[in-house]
Every structure is written in C-alpha cells, then in structure tokens.
C-alpha cells in the first residue's frame, strides 16, 4: 500500500503529475477542489477592502482544510492513492496569508487548532501518514510561465505577482524544515515537462517507483 502526495507551488503541474502517477500505480487520485470551489475566485479577485470585510482568505483555508481532511482520510484506508496537494501543505498557505495580514492572528490560531485536531484523528487510522511527497520545485519564472499557460482568468491579475513571489520564496523552507509526515522526492520542474515530453513522464514515474521501493525496503 502506497499513499503519495504531490506538493509544490501553484502552477507547477501537481494535477498533471498526480494523474500520471495514479495511472502508473493503478490508484485513485484525489484532486484539489478548484472548479467547484466557491471561494477561490473571490480570494483572487477581491479588493483589499473586500478581503478585510469578507475574510475570504480565512474562509478559503477552512474550505481546503475540510475538503483535504476528507480526502486524506479516504486515501489512508485504501491500498494505493495519490493526492493532488494534501492537508499538510495547507498550513503553509495559512501561514503566508497571516504574514501578509490577510488572516488575523486569532483566525490563524483557530485554523491551527482545527488542523491539529484533524491530524490527531489520522493517528487513529491503521495507516497514519503518506509514504511519499513528490515535491515539484521550480524557478519563479517557470511558475509564472505555467500559471499563464493554464489560463485560469482569476489567477492572471498582475497584482497577484507579489503574492505568488512570497509563496514561492518560502516553499523550500516549508518542505525542508516543517514537513515531517513522509519522505520527499524532489522533481525539478525547470527541466521537466511531463505533458510535452513522454521521456520526462517516464522518468518521473521511474523515480517515484524507485523511491517507494527504497522506502518499503527500509520499513
């Protein structure tokens, strides 16, 4: 039984990689809730005044916390599963939004308390955590290029560039110093394009399978 989470900065291809890995290991894939998410477009397009009044960043983090908790609970009780981002990574987004003043200290305290309670619930499951996080790492230029390519209108506002840069600048630190749920495999997305190059897709699958084999040998 292997549970894989795919993590990384917005735009770097988590959904494509998750789909690829799901097919490769014959697993279900739990996708990030985007198209049916009623808060996400409001989060990206609201004015600072609207954010202050409506508290969209806090509501968005609660929405993701709820949907990802449901997903990882299901993933951890089945044989093979892949998650397109996971409950562990959401803490980093909440932290950044607190530092930017979009989430208040009180809201962040409430968020952390809920997240910790949910993670404690996972300890009751036979399998308590993922086996591997596949971390998609790339330069800021690659991030912006790929956000542009996928063309979601609410992500394209030039005013969001500073927000993206702030998220990107701290991502490696979060992975290396705050993520402890599983081992990590880093994929360089500056040089990897699984959509356009079949050889890259084959290489990513091989790296993941090799890493999982090593993990299983140690266990």
N, C-alpha and C. Protein backbone atom coordinates (compact mmCIF):
# COMPACT_ATOMS: atom_id res chain seq x y z
N UNK A 1 0.85 -1.20 0.00
CA UNK A 1 0.00 0.00 0.00
C UNK A 1 0.88 1.24 0.00
N UNK A 2 0.66 2.13 -0.94
CA UNK A 2 1.44 3.36 -1.02
C UNK A 2 0.51 4.55 -1.19
N UNK A 3 0.71 5.55 -0.36
CA UNK A 3 -0.04 6.81 -0.49
C UNK A 3 0.97 7.91 -0.81
N UNK A 4 0.73 8.59 -1.91
CA UNK A 4 1.63 9.63 -2.39
C UNK A 4 0.90 10.96 -2.36
N UNK A 5 1.55 12.00 -1.87
CA UNK A 5 1.02 13.36 -2.01
C UNK A 5 1.93 14.13 -2.96
N UNK A 6 1.33 14.91 -3.83
CA UNK A 6 2.08 15.74 -4.77
C UNK A 6 1.96 17.17 -4.30
N UNK A 7 3.10 17.79 -4.02
CA UNK A 7 3.10 19.14 -3.48
C UNK A 7 3.90 20.09 -4.35
N UNK A 8 3.75 21.38 -4.07
CA UNK A 8 4.54 22.36 -4.79
C UNK A 8 3.76 23.62 -5.09
N UNK A 9 4.48 24.58 -5.58
CA UNK A 9 3.95 25.90 -5.85
C UNK A 9 2.82 25.87 -6.88
N UNK A 10 1.91 26.81 -6.75
CA UNK A 10 0.82 26.99 -7.72
C UNK A 10 1.39 26.99 -9.14
N UNK A 11 0.75 26.23 -10.03
CA UNK A 11 1.10 26.28 -11.44
C UNK A 11 2.14 25.30 -11.92
N UNK A 12 2.84 24.60 -11.01
CA UNK A 12 3.96 23.77 -11.45
C UNK A 12 3.55 22.40 -11.98
N UNK A 13 2.28 22.05 -11.91
CA UNK A 13 1.84 20.82 -12.55
C UNK A 13 1.46 19.69 -11.63
N UNK A 14 0.99 20.03 -10.43
CA UNK A 14 0.63 18.98 -9.46
C UNK A 14 -0.47 18.06 -10.01
N UNK A 15 -1.48 18.64 -10.62
CA UNK A 15 -2.58 17.82 -11.13
C UNK A 15 -2.11 16.87 -12.22
N UNK A 16 -1.27 17.36 -13.12
CA UNK A 16 -0.75 16.51 -14.20
C UNK A 16 0.11 15.38 -13.64
N UNK A 17 0.96 15.70 -12.67
CA UNK A 17 1.81 14.68 -12.08
C UNK A 17 0.98 13.67 -11.29
N UNK A 18 0.00 14.17 -10.54
CA UNK A 18 -0.87 13.26 -9.78
C UNK A 18 -1.61 12.31 -10.71
N UNK A 19 -2.12 12.82 -11.82
CA UNK A 19 -2.82 11.98 -12.80
C UNK A 19 -1.88 10.92 -13.38
N UNK A 20 -0.67 11.35 -13.73
CA UNK A 20 0.34 10.43 -14.26
C UNK A 20 0.65 9.31 -13.27
N UNK A 21 0.88 9.67 -12.02
CA UNK A 21 1.23 8.67 -11.01
C UNK A 21 0.05 7.75 -10.71
N UNK A 22 -1.15 8.31 -10.70
CA UNK A 22 -2.32 7.49 -10.46
C UNK A 22 -2.44 6.38 -11.50
N UNK A 23 -2.22 6.72 -12.76
CA UNK A 23 -2.28 5.71 -13.83
C UNK A 23 -1.14 4.71 -13.69
N UNK A 24 0.03 5.21 -13.29
CA UNK A 24 1.22 4.35 -13.24
C UNK A 24 1.12 3.30 -12.15
N UNK A 25 0.52 3.63 -11.01
CA UNK A 25 0.45 2.66 -9.92
C UNK A 25 -0.95 2.08 -9.75
N UNK A 26 -1.85 2.43 -10.67
CA UNK A 26 -3.20 1.89 -10.63
C UNK A 26 -4.00 2.33 -9.43
N UNK A 27 -3.96 3.64 -9.15
CA UNK A 27 -4.61 4.15 -7.94
C UNK A 27 -5.66 5.20 -8.28
N UNK A 28 -6.48 5.46 -7.31
CA UNK A 28 -7.36 6.63 -7.38
C UNK A 28 -6.53 7.88 -7.16
N UNK A 29 -7.05 9.00 -7.66
CA UNK A 29 -6.40 10.29 -7.44
C UNK A 29 -7.41 11.23 -6.80
N UNK A 30 -7.01 11.85 -5.71
CA UNK A 30 -7.85 12.84 -5.04
C UNK A 30 -7.36 14.21 -5.46
N UNK A 31 -8.18 14.89 -6.27
CA UNK A 31 -7.75 16.17 -6.84
C UNK A 31 -8.11 17.34 -5.93
N UNK A 32 -7.29 18.38 -6.05
CA UNK A 32 -7.57 19.61 -5.32
C UNK A 32 -8.89 20.20 -5.79
N UNK A 33 -9.69 20.68 -4.83
CA UNK A 33 -11.00 21.23 -5.15
C UNK A 33 -10.83 22.65 -5.69
N UNK A 34 -10.95 22.80 -7.02
CA UNK A 34 -10.76 24.11 -7.65
C UNK A 34 -12.02 24.57 -8.38
N UNK A 35 -12.44 23.80 -9.38
CA UNK A 35 -13.56 24.24 -10.22
C UNK A 35 -14.86 24.40 -9.43
N UNK A 36 -15.06 23.55 -8.40
CA UNK A 36 -16.29 23.63 -7.62
C UNK A 36 -16.10 24.46 -6.35
N UNK A 37 -14.95 25.09 -6.21
CA UNK A 37 -14.65 25.88 -5.01
C UNK A 37 -15.27 27.27 -5.14
N UNK A 38 -16.27 27.63 -4.32
CA UNK A 38 -16.94 28.92 -4.49
C UNK A 38 -16.13 30.10 -3.96
N UNK A 39 -15.11 29.83 -3.16
CA UNK A 39 -14.37 30.91 -2.51
C UNK A 39 -13.11 31.29 -3.29
N UNK A 40 -12.51 30.33 -4.01
CA UNK A 40 -11.22 30.58 -4.66
C UNK A 40 -11.23 31.77 -5.61
N UNK A 41 -12.19 31.91 -6.52
CA UNK A 41 -12.18 33.10 -7.38
C UNK A 41 -12.32 34.41 -6.59
N UNK A 42 -13.10 34.38 -5.51
CA UNK A 42 -13.27 35.58 -4.69
C UNK A 42 -11.97 35.94 -3.99
N UNK A 43 -11.23 34.93 -3.56
CA UNK A 43 -9.94 35.15 -2.91
C UNK A 43 -8.99 35.88 -3.84
N UNK A 44 -8.97 35.49 -5.12
CA UNK A 44 -8.02 36.06 -6.06
C UNK A 44 -8.45 37.42 -6.61
N UNK A 45 -9.73 37.67 -6.69
CA UNK A 45 -10.20 38.87 -7.39
C UNK A 45 -10.70 39.99 -6.48
N UNK A 46 -10.81 39.74 -5.19
CA UNK A 46 -11.35 40.75 -4.28
C UNK A 46 -10.35 41.86 -4.00
N UNK A 47 -10.85 43.03 -3.73
CA UNK A 47 -10.02 44.17 -3.33
C UNK A 47 -9.57 43.97 -1.88
N UNK A 48 -8.51 44.67 -1.46
CA UNK A 48 -8.10 44.58 -0.05
C UNK A 48 -9.25 44.91 0.91
N UNK A 49 -10.10 45.84 0.52
CA UNK A 49 -11.24 46.21 1.37
C UNK A 49 -12.23 45.06 1.48
N UNK A 50 -12.48 44.39 0.36
CA UNK A 50 -13.40 43.24 0.37
C UNK A 50 -12.82 42.09 1.18
N UNK A 51 -11.52 41.88 1.05
CA UNK A 51 -10.86 40.83 1.83
C UNK A 51 -10.99 41.12 3.32
N UNK A 52 -10.79 42.37 3.70
CA UNK A 52 -10.89 42.75 5.10
C UNK A 52 -12.31 42.52 5.63
N UNK A 53 -13.31 42.85 4.82
CA UNK A 53 -14.70 42.73 5.26
C UNK A 53 -15.20 41.28 5.22
N UNK A 54 -14.88 40.58 4.16
CA UNK A 54 -15.46 39.24 3.93
C UNK A 54 -14.61 38.10 4.48
N UNK A 55 -13.35 38.36 4.79
CA UNK A 55 -12.43 37.35 5.35
C UNK A 55 -12.26 36.14 4.42
N UNK A 56 -12.17 36.41 3.11
CA UNK A 56 -12.06 35.31 2.15
C UNK A 56 -10.83 34.42 2.37
N UNK A 57 -9.65 34.97 2.71
CA UNK A 57 -8.51 34.07 2.93
C UNK A 57 -8.75 33.05 4.04
N UNK A 58 -9.35 33.49 5.14
CA UNK A 58 -9.64 32.57 6.24
C UNK A 58 -10.67 31.53 5.81
N UNK A 59 -11.72 31.98 5.14
CA UNK A 59 -12.75 31.05 4.67
C UNK A 59 -12.17 30.04 3.68
N UNK A 60 -11.26 30.51 2.81
CA UNK A 60 -10.66 29.61 1.84
C UNK A 60 -9.84 28.53 2.54
N UNK A 61 -9.07 28.91 3.55
CA UNK A 61 -8.27 27.92 4.26
C UNK A 61 -9.15 26.91 4.99
N UNK A 62 -10.26 27.37 5.54
CA UNK A 62 -11.19 26.43 6.19
C UNK A 62 -11.80 25.48 5.16
N UNK A 63 -12.13 26.00 3.99
CA UNK A 63 -12.70 25.17 2.93
C UNK A 63 -11.71 24.08 2.53
N UNK A 64 -10.45 24.47 2.29
CA UNK A 64 -9.44 23.49 1.90
C UNK A 64 -9.17 22.50 3.03
N UNK A 65 -9.14 22.98 4.26
CA UNK A 65 -8.92 22.09 5.39
C UNK A 65 -9.98 21.00 5.44
N UNK A 66 -11.22 21.39 5.24
CA UNK A 66 -12.33 20.44 5.26
C UNK A 66 -12.22 19.44 4.12
N UNK A 67 -12.02 19.91 2.90
CA UNK A 67 -12.00 19.01 1.75
C UNK A 67 -10.77 18.11 1.76
N UNK A 68 -9.65 18.61 2.19
CA UNK A 68 -8.44 17.78 2.20
C UNK A 68 -8.45 16.76 3.34
N UNK A 69 -9.09 17.10 4.44
CA UNK A 69 -9.21 16.14 5.53
C UNK A 69 -10.06 14.95 5.07
N UNK A 70 -11.15 15.24 4.38
CA UNK A 70 -11.98 14.17 3.84
C UNK A 70 -11.18 13.30 2.87
N UNK A 71 -10.37 13.95 2.02
CA UNK A 71 -9.61 13.21 1.01
C UNK A 71 -8.55 12.32 1.65
N UNK A 72 -7.79 12.86 2.61
CA UNK A 72 -6.69 12.05 3.16
C UNK A 72 -7.23 10.93 4.03
N UNK A 73 -8.38 11.14 4.68
CA UNK A 73 -8.97 10.03 5.44
C UNK A 73 -9.31 8.86 4.51
N UNK A 74 -9.87 9.18 3.35
CA UNK A 74 -10.20 8.13 2.39
C UNK A 74 -8.93 7.49 1.83
N UNK A 75 -7.93 8.34 1.54
CA UNK A 75 -6.70 7.83 0.94
C UNK A 75 -5.96 6.87 1.85
N UNK A 76 -5.98 7.13 3.13
CA UNK A 76 -5.18 6.34 4.07
C UNK A 76 -5.80 4.98 4.41
N UNK A 77 -7.01 4.73 3.94
CA UNK A 77 -7.62 3.43 4.23
C UNK A 77 -7.74 2.55 2.99
N UNK A 78 -7.20 3.01 1.86
CA UNK A 78 -7.23 2.20 0.65
C UNK A 78 -5.80 1.78 0.26
N UNK A 79 -5.71 0.88 -0.69
CA UNK A 79 -4.42 0.26 -1.00
C UNK A 79 -3.43 1.24 -1.62
N UNK A 80 -3.83 1.91 -2.68
CA UNK A 80 -2.97 2.88 -3.35
C UNK A 80 -3.78 4.15 -3.58
N UNK A 81 -3.17 5.28 -3.31
CA UNK A 81 -3.85 6.54 -3.60
C UNK A 81 -2.83 7.65 -3.82
N UNK A 82 -3.23 8.63 -4.63
CA UNK A 82 -2.41 9.81 -4.88
C UNK A 82 -3.25 11.04 -4.57
N UNK A 83 -2.67 11.99 -3.85
CA UNK A 83 -3.37 13.22 -3.52
C UNK A 83 -2.69 14.41 -4.18
N UNK A 84 -3.48 15.20 -4.87
CA UNK A 84 -3.04 16.45 -5.50
C UNK A 84 -3.06 17.52 -4.41
N UNK A 85 -1.90 17.71 -3.78
CA UNK A 85 -1.73 18.52 -2.57
C UNK A 85 -2.47 17.85 -1.41
N UNK A 86 -2.06 18.16 -0.19
CA UNK A 86 -2.65 17.48 0.97
C UNK A 86 -2.86 18.45 2.12
N UNK A 87 -3.46 17.92 3.16
CA UNK A 87 -3.79 18.73 4.33
C UNK A 87 -2.53 19.31 4.98
N UNK A 88 -1.39 18.64 4.84
CA UNK A 88 -0.16 19.12 5.47
C UNK A 88 0.30 20.45 4.87
N UNK A 89 0.13 20.60 3.58
CA UNK A 89 0.63 21.77 2.85
C UNK A 89 -0.20 23.02 3.10
N UNK A 90 -1.46 22.84 3.45
CA UNK A 90 -2.33 24.00 3.63
C UNK A 90 -1.85 24.91 4.75
N UNK A 91 -1.19 24.33 5.76
CA UNK A 91 -0.68 25.16 6.86
C UNK A 91 0.24 26.25 6.33
N UNK A 92 1.06 25.91 5.34
CA UNK A 92 1.99 26.90 4.79
C UNK A 92 1.24 28.07 4.16
N UNK A 93 0.17 27.79 3.43
CA UNK A 93 -0.62 28.86 2.82
C UNK A 93 -1.26 29.75 3.88
N UNK A 94 -1.77 29.11 4.94
CA UNK A 94 -2.36 29.90 6.03
C UNK A 94 -1.31 30.78 6.69
N UNK A 95 -0.12 30.24 6.89
CA UNK A 95 0.98 31.00 7.50
C UNK A 95 1.34 32.22 6.66
N UNK A 96 1.48 32.04 5.34
CA UNK A 96 1.83 33.15 4.46
C UNK A 96 0.75 34.22 4.49
N UNK A 97 -0.51 33.80 4.46
CA UNK A 97 -1.59 34.79 4.47
C UNK A 97 -1.67 35.53 5.81
N UNK A 98 -1.28 34.87 6.88
CA UNK A 98 -1.19 35.59 8.16
C UNK A 98 -0.07 36.62 8.09
N UNK A 99 1.08 36.24 7.56
CA UNK A 99 2.21 37.17 7.47
C UNK A 99 1.89 38.36 6.59
N UNK A 100 1.03 38.16 5.60
CA UNK A 100 0.63 39.25 4.71
C UNK A 100 -0.51 40.08 5.28
N UNK A 101 -1.02 39.69 6.44
CA UNK A 101 -2.12 40.42 7.07
C UNK A 101 -3.48 40.09 6.52
N UNK A 102 -3.58 39.05 5.71
CA UNK A 102 -4.87 38.66 5.14
C UNK A 102 -5.65 37.76 6.09
N UNK A 103 -4.92 37.09 6.97
CA UNK A 103 -5.52 36.28 8.03
C UNK A 103 -5.04 36.84 9.36
N UNK A 104 -5.95 37.06 10.28
CA UNK A 104 -5.56 37.63 11.57
C UNK A 104 -4.90 36.58 12.46
N UNK A 105 -4.22 37.05 13.51
CA UNK A 105 -3.60 36.12 14.46
C UNK A 105 -4.64 35.20 15.09
N UNK A 106 -5.81 35.75 15.41
CA UNK A 106 -6.87 34.94 16.00
C UNK A 106 -7.36 33.88 15.02
N UNK A 107 -7.57 34.28 13.77
CA UNK A 107 -8.01 33.32 12.75
C UNK A 107 -6.97 32.21 12.57
N UNK A 108 -5.70 32.58 12.57
CA UNK A 108 -4.64 31.59 12.39
C UNK A 108 -4.60 30.62 13.58
N UNK A 109 -4.81 31.13 14.78
CA UNK A 109 -4.86 30.27 15.96
C UNK A 109 -6.00 29.27 15.85
N UNK A 110 -7.17 29.75 15.41
CA UNK A 110 -8.32 28.86 15.23
C UNK A 110 -8.02 27.82 14.15
N UNK A 111 -7.43 28.27 13.05
CA UNK A 111 -7.08 27.37 11.95
C UNK A 111 -6.12 26.28 12.44
N UNK A 112 -5.07 26.68 13.15
CA UNK A 112 -4.09 25.69 13.63
C UNK A 112 -4.72 24.69 14.58
N UNK A 113 -5.61 25.17 15.44
CA UNK A 113 -6.27 24.27 16.38
C UNK A 113 -7.11 23.23 15.64
N UNK A 114 -7.87 23.67 14.64
CA UNK A 114 -8.66 22.74 13.85
C UNK A 114 -7.77 21.75 13.10
N UNK A 115 -6.71 22.27 12.49
CA UNK A 115 -5.80 21.40 11.73
C UNK A 115 -5.16 20.36 12.64
N UNK A 116 -4.71 20.77 13.81
CA UNK A 116 -4.08 19.83 14.73
C UNK A 116 -5.06 18.76 15.21
N UNK A 117 -6.30 19.16 15.45
CA UNK A 117 -7.32 18.18 15.84
C UNK A 117 -7.56 17.17 14.74
N UNK A 118 -7.59 17.66 13.50
CA UNK A 118 -7.81 16.75 12.37
C UNK A 118 -6.64 15.79 12.20
N UNK A 119 -5.41 16.31 12.32
CA UNK A 119 -4.25 15.44 12.18
C UNK A 119 -4.19 14.41 13.30
N UNK A 120 -4.66 14.78 14.48
CA UNK A 120 -4.72 13.82 15.59
C UNK A 120 -5.69 12.68 15.27
N UNK A 121 -6.77 13.00 14.55
CA UNK A 121 -7.72 11.97 14.15
C UNK A 121 -7.07 10.95 13.23
N UNK A 122 -6.13 11.40 12.39
CA UNK A 122 -5.46 10.47 11.48
C UNK A 122 -4.66 9.43 12.24
N UNK A 123 -4.22 9.77 13.45
CA UNK A 123 -3.45 8.82 14.26
C UNK A 123 -4.26 7.58 14.61
N UNK A 124 -5.58 7.67 14.51
CA UNK A 124 -6.44 6.53 14.83
C UNK A 124 -6.59 5.56 13.66
N UNK A 125 -6.13 5.97 12.47
CA UNK A 125 -6.26 5.11 11.29
C UNK A 125 -5.13 4.08 11.26
N UNK A 126 -5.37 2.92 10.62
CA UNK A 126 -4.30 1.92 10.51
C UNK A 126 -3.05 2.49 9.83
N UNK A 127 -3.24 3.28 8.78
CA UNK A 127 -2.13 3.97 8.14
C UNK A 127 -2.25 5.44 8.49
N UNK A 128 -1.22 6.02 9.07
CA UNK A 128 -1.34 7.32 9.71
C UNK A 128 -0.85 8.50 8.85
N UNK A 129 -0.09 8.22 7.81
CA UNK A 129 0.52 9.30 7.03
C UNK A 129 0.86 8.79 5.64
N UNK A 130 1.12 9.70 4.71
CA UNK A 130 1.55 9.28 3.37
C UNK A 130 2.91 8.57 3.43
N UNK A 131 3.23 7.84 2.37
CA UNK A 131 4.54 7.23 2.25
C UNK A 131 5.56 8.18 1.63
N UNK A 132 5.08 9.06 0.76
CA UNK A 132 6.00 9.89 -0.01
C UNK A 132 5.32 11.19 -0.44
N UNK A 133 6.07 12.29 -0.35
CA UNK A 133 5.64 13.51 -1.02
C UNK A 133 6.54 13.74 -2.23
N UNK A 134 5.93 13.90 -3.39
CA UNK A 134 6.63 14.29 -4.60
C UNK A 134 6.55 15.81 -4.68
N UNK A 135 7.68 16.45 -4.44
CA UNK A 135 7.72 17.92 -4.36
C UNK A 135 8.18 18.50 -5.70
N UNK A 136 7.31 19.27 -6.33
CA UNK A 136 7.62 19.90 -7.60
C UNK A 136 8.28 21.25 -7.32
N UNK A 137 9.53 21.38 -7.73
CA UNK A 137 10.33 22.56 -7.43
C UNK A 137 10.66 23.27 -8.74
N UNK A 138 10.55 24.60 -8.76
CA UNK A 138 10.88 25.33 -9.97
C UNK A 138 11.20 26.78 -9.69
N UNK A 139 11.81 27.43 -10.65
CA UNK A 139 12.13 28.85 -10.53
C UNK A 139 10.85 29.67 -10.58
N UNK A 140 10.96 30.93 -10.14
CA UNK A 140 9.78 31.79 -10.18
C UNK A 140 9.35 32.06 -11.62
N UNK A 141 10.30 32.14 -12.53
CA UNK A 141 9.95 32.33 -13.95
C UNK A 141 9.13 31.15 -14.47
N UNK A 142 9.51 29.95 -14.08
CA UNK A 142 8.75 28.76 -14.50
C UNK A 142 7.35 28.79 -13.92
N UNK A 143 7.24 29.16 -12.66
CA UNK A 143 5.93 29.26 -12.02
C UNK A 143 5.02 30.21 -12.78
N UNK A 144 5.51 31.41 -13.06
CA UNK A 144 4.69 32.41 -13.72
C UNK A 144 4.34 31.99 -15.15
N UNK A 145 5.29 31.38 -15.84
CA UNK A 145 5.03 30.92 -17.20
C UNK A 145 3.91 29.89 -17.21
N UNK A 146 3.94 28.96 -16.27
CA UNK A 146 2.95 27.88 -16.27
C UNK A 146 1.59 28.34 -15.75
N UNK A 147 1.58 29.31 -14.84
CA UNK A 147 0.30 29.90 -14.44
C UNK A 147 -0.36 30.56 -15.66
N UNK A 148 0.46 31.24 -16.45
CA UNK A 148 -0.07 31.85 -17.67
C UNK A 148 -0.57 30.84 -18.67
N UNK A 149 0.14 29.73 -18.82
CA UNK A 149 -0.25 28.71 -19.79
C UNK A 149 -1.59 28.08 -19.46
N UNK A 150 -1.86 27.84 -18.17
CA UNK A 150 -3.10 27.13 -17.87
C UNK A 150 -4.33 28.04 -17.94
N UNK A 151 -4.12 29.36 -17.89
CA UNK A 151 -5.15 30.29 -18.31
C UNK A 151 -6.36 30.48 -17.43
N UNK A 152 -6.27 30.16 -16.13
CA UNK A 152 -7.40 30.47 -15.25
C UNK A 152 -7.47 31.98 -15.08
N UNK A 153 -8.59 32.56 -15.48
CA UNK A 153 -8.69 34.02 -15.54
C UNK A 153 -8.44 34.68 -14.19
N UNK A 154 -8.92 34.06 -13.10
CA UNK A 154 -8.79 34.70 -11.80
C UNK A 154 -7.35 34.65 -11.26
N UNK A 155 -6.47 33.87 -11.93
CA UNK A 155 -5.08 33.80 -11.49
C UNK A 155 -4.16 34.76 -12.25
N UNK A 156 -4.69 35.48 -13.25
CA UNK A 156 -3.84 36.21 -14.18
C UNK A 156 -3.57 37.67 -13.81
N UNK A 157 -4.25 38.20 -12.80
CA UNK A 157 -4.12 39.62 -12.44
C UNK A 157 -2.66 39.92 -12.07
N UNK A 158 -2.03 40.93 -12.74
CA UNK A 158 -0.65 41.29 -12.40
C UNK A 158 -0.46 41.67 -10.93
N UNK A 159 -1.53 42.10 -10.28
CA UNK A 159 -1.44 42.47 -8.87
C UNK A 159 -1.13 41.26 -7.99
N UNK A 160 -1.29 40.05 -8.52
CA UNK A 160 -1.04 38.84 -7.74
C UNK A 160 0.43 38.43 -7.75
N UNK A 161 1.25 39.08 -8.56
CA UNK A 161 2.64 38.65 -8.71
C UNK A 161 3.38 38.67 -7.38
N UNK A 162 3.19 39.72 -6.60
CA UNK A 162 3.88 39.79 -5.30
C UNK A 162 3.43 38.66 -4.38
N UNK A 163 2.14 38.33 -4.42
CA UNK A 163 1.63 37.22 -3.61
C UNK A 163 2.27 35.91 -4.05
N UNK A 164 2.33 35.66 -5.35
CA UNK A 164 2.96 34.45 -5.85
C UNK A 164 4.44 34.38 -5.44
N UNK A 165 5.12 35.51 -5.54
CA UNK A 165 6.54 35.52 -5.20
C UNK A 165 6.77 35.22 -3.72
N UNK A 166 5.88 35.76 -2.87
CA UNK A 166 6.00 35.49 -1.44
C UNK A 166 5.79 34.01 -1.14
N UNK A 167 4.77 33.42 -1.75
CA UNK A 167 4.54 31.99 -1.59
C UNK A 167 5.74 31.18 -2.07
N UNK A 168 6.21 31.49 -3.24
CA UNK A 168 7.32 30.75 -3.85
C UNK A 168 8.58 30.85 -3.01
N UNK A 169 8.87 32.02 -2.47
CA UNK A 169 10.15 32.24 -1.79
C UNK A 169 10.30 31.41 -0.52
N UNK A 170 9.20 31.00 0.10
CA UNK A 170 9.29 30.24 1.34
C UNK A 170 8.97 28.77 1.20
N UNK A 171 8.67 28.32 -0.02
CA UNK A 171 8.20 26.94 -0.19
C UNK A 171 9.27 25.90 0.17
N UNK A 172 10.50 26.12 -0.29
CA UNK A 172 11.56 25.15 0.01
C UNK A 172 11.78 25.03 1.52
N UNK A 173 11.73 26.16 2.21
CA UNK A 173 11.91 26.13 3.67
C UNK A 173 10.81 25.31 4.33
N UNK A 174 9.57 25.47 3.86
CA UNK A 174 8.48 24.68 4.44
C UNK A 174 8.74 23.19 4.25
N UNK A 175 9.12 22.81 3.04
CA UNK A 175 9.35 21.39 2.76
C UNK A 175 10.49 20.83 3.60
N UNK A 176 11.59 21.56 3.66
CA UNK A 176 12.78 21.04 4.32
C UNK A 176 12.71 21.11 5.84
N UNK A 177 11.98 22.08 6.39
CA UNK A 177 12.03 22.32 7.83
C UNK A 177 10.71 22.13 8.56
N UNK A 178 9.60 22.01 7.84
CA UNK A 178 8.30 21.93 8.51
C UNK A 178 7.49 20.69 8.12
N UNK A 179 7.81 20.09 6.98
CA UNK A 179 7.07 18.90 6.55
C UNK A 179 7.79 17.66 7.07
N UNK A 180 7.10 16.90 7.91
CA UNK A 180 7.73 15.72 8.51
C UNK A 180 6.88 14.45 8.36
N UNK A 181 5.82 14.52 7.58
CA UNK A 181 4.88 13.39 7.50
C UNK A 181 5.44 12.21 6.73
N UNK A 182 6.34 12.47 5.78
CA UNK A 182 6.86 11.39 4.95
C UNK A 182 8.20 11.80 4.36
N UNK A 183 8.82 10.87 3.66
CA UNK A 183 10.00 11.22 2.88
C UNK A 183 9.59 12.07 1.68
N UNK A 184 10.57 12.74 1.09
CA UNK A 184 10.32 13.68 0.00
C UNK A 184 11.18 13.33 -1.21
N UNK A 185 10.57 13.35 -2.38
CA UNK A 185 11.28 13.23 -3.65
C UNK A 185 11.11 14.54 -4.40
N UNK A 186 12.21 15.19 -4.75
CA UNK A 186 12.16 16.49 -5.42
C UNK A 186 12.27 16.29 -6.94
N UNK A 187 11.34 16.90 -7.67
CA UNK A 187 11.36 16.88 -9.13
C UNK A 187 11.61 18.31 -9.62
N UNK A 188 12.63 18.49 -10.43
CA UNK A 188 12.99 19.81 -10.96
C UNK A 188 12.08 20.15 -12.14
N UNK A 189 11.12 21.04 -11.92
CA UNK A 189 10.17 21.37 -12.98
C UNK A 189 10.71 22.40 -13.97
N UNK A 190 11.88 22.95 -13.71
CA UNK A 190 12.53 23.82 -14.71
C UNK A 190 12.97 22.99 -15.91
N UNK A 191 13.27 21.72 -15.67
CA UNK A 191 13.78 20.86 -16.74
C UNK A 191 12.86 19.69 -17.06
N UNK A 192 11.70 19.65 -16.41
CA UNK A 192 10.78 18.52 -16.58
C UNK A 192 9.45 19.00 -17.14
N UNK A 193 8.99 18.36 -18.21
CA UNK A 193 7.69 18.68 -18.79
C UNK A 193 7.01 17.36 -19.16
N UNK A 194 6.20 16.84 -18.23
CA UNK A 194 5.60 15.52 -18.45
C UNK A 194 4.47 15.57 -19.47
N UNK A 195 3.96 16.75 -19.75
CA UNK A 195 2.86 16.88 -20.71
C UNK A 195 3.38 16.82 -22.14
N UNK A 196 4.50 17.49 -22.40
CA UNK A 196 5.02 17.60 -23.77
C UNK A 196 6.08 16.56 -24.10
N UNK A 197 6.73 16.00 -23.07
CA UNK A 197 7.82 15.06 -23.33
C UNK A 197 7.54 13.73 -22.62
N UNK A 198 7.28 12.72 -23.41
CA UNK A 198 6.97 11.40 -22.85
C UNK A 198 8.14 10.85 -22.04
N UNK A 199 9.36 11.18 -22.46
CA UNK A 199 10.54 10.70 -21.74
C UNK A 199 10.58 11.27 -20.32
N UNK A 200 10.12 12.52 -20.15
CA UNK A 200 10.07 13.11 -18.82
C UNK A 200 9.03 12.42 -17.95
N UNK A 201 7.89 12.11 -18.55
CA UNK A 201 6.85 11.39 -17.80
C UNK A 201 7.35 10.02 -17.35
N UNK A 202 8.03 9.32 -18.24
CA UNK A 202 8.58 8.01 -17.90
C UNK A 202 9.61 8.12 -16.78
N UNK A 203 10.44 9.16 -16.86
CA UNK A 203 11.47 9.37 -15.84
C UNK A 203 10.87 9.65 -14.47
N UNK A 204 9.83 10.49 -14.42
CA UNK A 204 9.20 10.81 -13.14
C UNK A 204 8.59 9.56 -12.52
N UNK A 205 7.89 8.77 -13.30
CA UNK A 205 7.29 7.53 -12.79
C UNK A 205 8.38 6.61 -12.25
N UNK A 206 9.48 6.48 -12.97
CA UNK A 206 10.57 5.60 -12.55
C UNK A 206 11.18 6.09 -11.24
N UNK A 207 11.38 7.40 -11.12
CA UNK A 207 11.94 7.95 -9.88
C UNK A 207 11.03 7.67 -8.69
N UNK A 208 9.74 7.84 -8.89
CA UNK A 208 8.79 7.62 -7.80
C UNK A 208 8.76 6.15 -7.40
N UNK A 209 8.72 5.26 -8.38
CA UNK A 209 8.69 3.83 -8.07
C UNK A 209 9.97 3.39 -7.36
N UNK A 210 11.11 3.91 -7.81
CA UNK A 210 12.38 3.57 -7.17
C UNK A 210 12.40 4.06 -5.72
N UNK A 211 11.90 5.28 -5.50
CA UNK A 211 11.89 5.83 -4.15
C UNK A 211 10.95 5.02 -3.25
N UNK A 212 9.79 4.65 -3.75
CA UNK A 212 8.86 3.86 -2.97
C UNK A 212 9.45 2.48 -2.62
N UNK A 213 10.17 1.91 -3.56
CA UNK A 213 10.81 0.61 -3.31
C UNK A 213 11.83 0.73 -2.18
N UNK A 214 12.62 1.80 -2.19
CA UNK A 214 13.59 2.02 -1.13
C UNK A 214 12.90 2.19 0.22
N UNK A 215 11.82 2.96 0.22
CA UNK A 215 11.08 3.20 1.47
C UNK A 215 10.53 1.87 2.03
N UNK A 216 10.00 1.04 1.13
CA UNK A 216 9.42 -0.23 1.57
C UNK A 216 10.49 -1.18 2.08
N UNK A 217 11.69 -1.11 1.51
CA UNK A 217 12.79 -1.95 1.99
C UNK A 217 13.21 -1.57 3.39
N UNK A 218 13.22 -0.26 3.65
CA UNK A 218 13.60 0.23 4.97
C UNK A 218 12.55 -0.18 6.01
N UNK A 219 11.27 -0.09 5.60
CA UNK A 219 10.19 -0.44 6.52
C UNK A 219 10.14 -1.94 6.76
